[in-house]
Protein backbone atom coordinates (compact mmCIF):
# COMPACT_ATOMS: atom_id res chain seq x y z
CA UNK A 1 -7.85 -31.62 -22.47
CA UNK A 2 -7.07 -32.48 -18.86
CA UNK A 3 -7.24 -29.92 -16.04
CA UNK A 4 -4.90 -30.47 -13.12
CA UNK A 5 -5.85 -29.07 -9.73
CA UNK A 6 -3.25 -28.65 -7.01
CA UNK A 7 -5.19 -27.63 -3.89
CA UNK A 8 -2.13 -27.84 -1.65
CA UNK A 9 0.37 -26.14 -3.93
CA UNK A 10 3.23 -24.39 -2.21
CA UNK A 11 3.18 -20.57 -2.23
CA UNK A 12 5.54 -18.92 -4.66
CA UNK A 13 8.87 -18.00 -3.11
CA UNK A 14 10.02 -14.73 -4.63
CA UNK A 15 13.58 -13.41 -4.47
CA UNK A 16 14.32 -10.83 -1.80
CA UNK A 17 15.01 -8.24 -4.50
CA UNK A 18 11.44 -8.60 -5.80
CA UNK A 19 10.01 -8.22 -2.30
CA UNK A 20 12.18 -5.16 -1.68
CA UNK A 21 11.17 -3.52 -4.96
CA UNK A 22 7.46 -4.10 -4.32
CA UNK A 23 7.79 -2.63 -0.82
CA UNK A 24 9.60 0.42 -2.23
CA UNK A 25 6.82 0.96 -4.80
CA UNK A 26 4.27 1.00 -1.97
CA UNK A 27 6.47 3.27 0.11
CA UNK A 28 6.85 5.72 -2.79
CA UNK A 29 3.08 5.77 -3.27
CA UNK A 30 2.68 6.80 0.38
CA UNK A 31 5.25 9.56 -0.10
CA UNK A 32 3.59 10.82 -3.29
CA UNK A 33 0.13 10.77 -1.71
CA UNK A 34 1.31 12.90 1.23
CA UNK A 35 3.57 15.33 -0.65
CA UNK A 36 1.79 18.72 -0.95
CA UNK A 37 4.61 20.09 -3.11
CA UNK A 38 4.63 17.24 -5.63
CA UNK A 39 2.95 17.16 -9.00
CA UNK A 40 -0.85 16.81 -8.64
CA UNK A 41 -0.86 13.87 -11.06
CA UNK A 42 1.61 11.99 -8.82
CA UNK A 43 -0.62 12.45 -5.77
CA UNK A 44 -3.76 11.42 -7.64
CA UNK A 45 -2.02 8.38 -9.10
CA UNK A 46 -0.68 7.38 -5.68
CA UNK A 47 -4.12 7.73 -4.06
CA UNK A 48 -5.67 5.59 -6.80
CA UNK A 49 -2.93 2.98 -6.31
CA UNK A 50 -3.36 2.97 -2.52
CA UNK A 51 -7.15 2.76 -2.72
CA UNK A 52 -7.05 -0.96 -3.36
CA UNK A 53 -6.04 -1.27 -6.99
CA UNK A 54 -5.12 -4.62 -8.48
CA UNK A 55 -1.53 -3.44 -8.70
CA UNK A 56 -1.51 -2.68 -4.97
CA UNK A 57 -2.90 -6.15 -4.32
CA UNK A 58 -0.13 -7.70 -6.40
CA UNK A 59 2.56 -5.48 -4.85
CA UNK A 60 1.42 -6.44 -1.35
CA UNK A 61 1.47 -10.10 -2.29
CA UNK A 62 5.03 -9.85 -3.64
CA UNK A 63 6.21 -7.71 -0.69
CA UNK A 64 4.49 -10.08 1.77
CA UNK A 65 2.42 -7.25 3.26
CA UNK A 66 -1.15 -7.46 4.49
CA UNK A 67 -3.27 -5.65 1.87
CA UNK A 68 -5.99 -4.54 4.30
CA UNK A 69 -3.40 -3.19 6.69
CA UNK A 70 -1.82 -1.11 3.91
CA UNK A 71 -5.22 0.25 2.84
CA UNK A 72 -6.17 1.15 6.42
CA UNK A 73 -2.84 2.92 6.86
CA UNK A 74 -3.39 4.81 3.60
CA UNK A 75 -6.87 5.89 4.71
CA UNK A 76 -5.50 7.12 8.02
CA UNK A 77 -2.72 9.15 6.42
CA UNK A 78 -4.97 10.60 3.71
CA UNK A 79 -7.61 11.55 6.27
CA UNK A 80 -4.94 13.32 8.32
CA UNK A 81 -3.76 15.15 5.18
CA UNK A 82 -7.34 16.21 4.43
CA UNK A 83 -7.74 17.58 7.96
CA UNK A 84 -4.45 19.44 7.57
CA UNK A 85 -5.81 21.22 4.48
CA UNK A 86 -4.43 19.12 1.65
CA UNK A 87 -6.53 18.20 -1.38
CA UNK A 88 -9.23 15.64 -0.70
CA UNK A 89 -8.14 12.14 -1.68
CA UNK A 90 -10.15 9.88 -3.92
CA UNK A 91 -12.52 7.55 -2.03
CA UNK A 92 -10.98 4.26 -0.98
CA UNK A 93 -12.45 0.85 -1.72
CA UNK A 94 -12.28 -2.16 0.55
CA UNK A 95 -10.60 -5.33 -0.70
CA UNK A 96 -10.15 -8.92 0.37
CA UNK A 97 -7.50 -9.84 2.91
CA UNK A 98 -4.26 -11.35 1.71
CA UNK A 99 -2.53 -13.74 4.05
CA UNK A 100 0.81 -11.98 4.42
CA UNK A 101 3.33 -11.01 7.06
CA UNK A 102 3.03 -7.84 9.10
CA UNK A 103 5.39 -5.01 8.19
CA UNK A 104 6.51 -1.59 9.34
CA UNK A 105 3.93 0.05 7.14
CA UNK A 106 1.23 -1.49 9.34
CA UNK A 107 3.01 -0.73 12.57
CA UNK A 108 4.67 2.63 12.02
CA UNK A 109 7.42 3.67 14.31
CA UNK A 110 6.63 6.69 16.42
CA UNK A 111 8.09 9.87 15.01
CA UNK A 112 9.09 12.89 17.04
CA UNK A 113 6.54 15.67 17.02
CA UNK A 114 7.52 18.71 15.01
CA UNK A 115 7.31 22.08 16.66
CA UNK A 116 5.01 24.71 15.23
């Protein structure tokens, strides 16, 4: 048996639809993690996903997002939710950096403050 090594192989070019779907999966996880009115199982599943799961790593790779940036953003939002009185999120794990493009999820647009 012969093993072939390609150290300078080109990165996989995925169709735009795949990148869009992976980004939407990540976006939905953020929404589920922050939704106090959603099903508890959805929030727990989203927090587990956003804590650095293998599926998040793969989704970030497909969506061309920086994995560490997504995890840091998730930690920030979940910490804010905890301070606001929501259920405590599961602890987050650190993961290796993926070389990917920056995205809106890492640089959120400013949102208008809501009046209390």
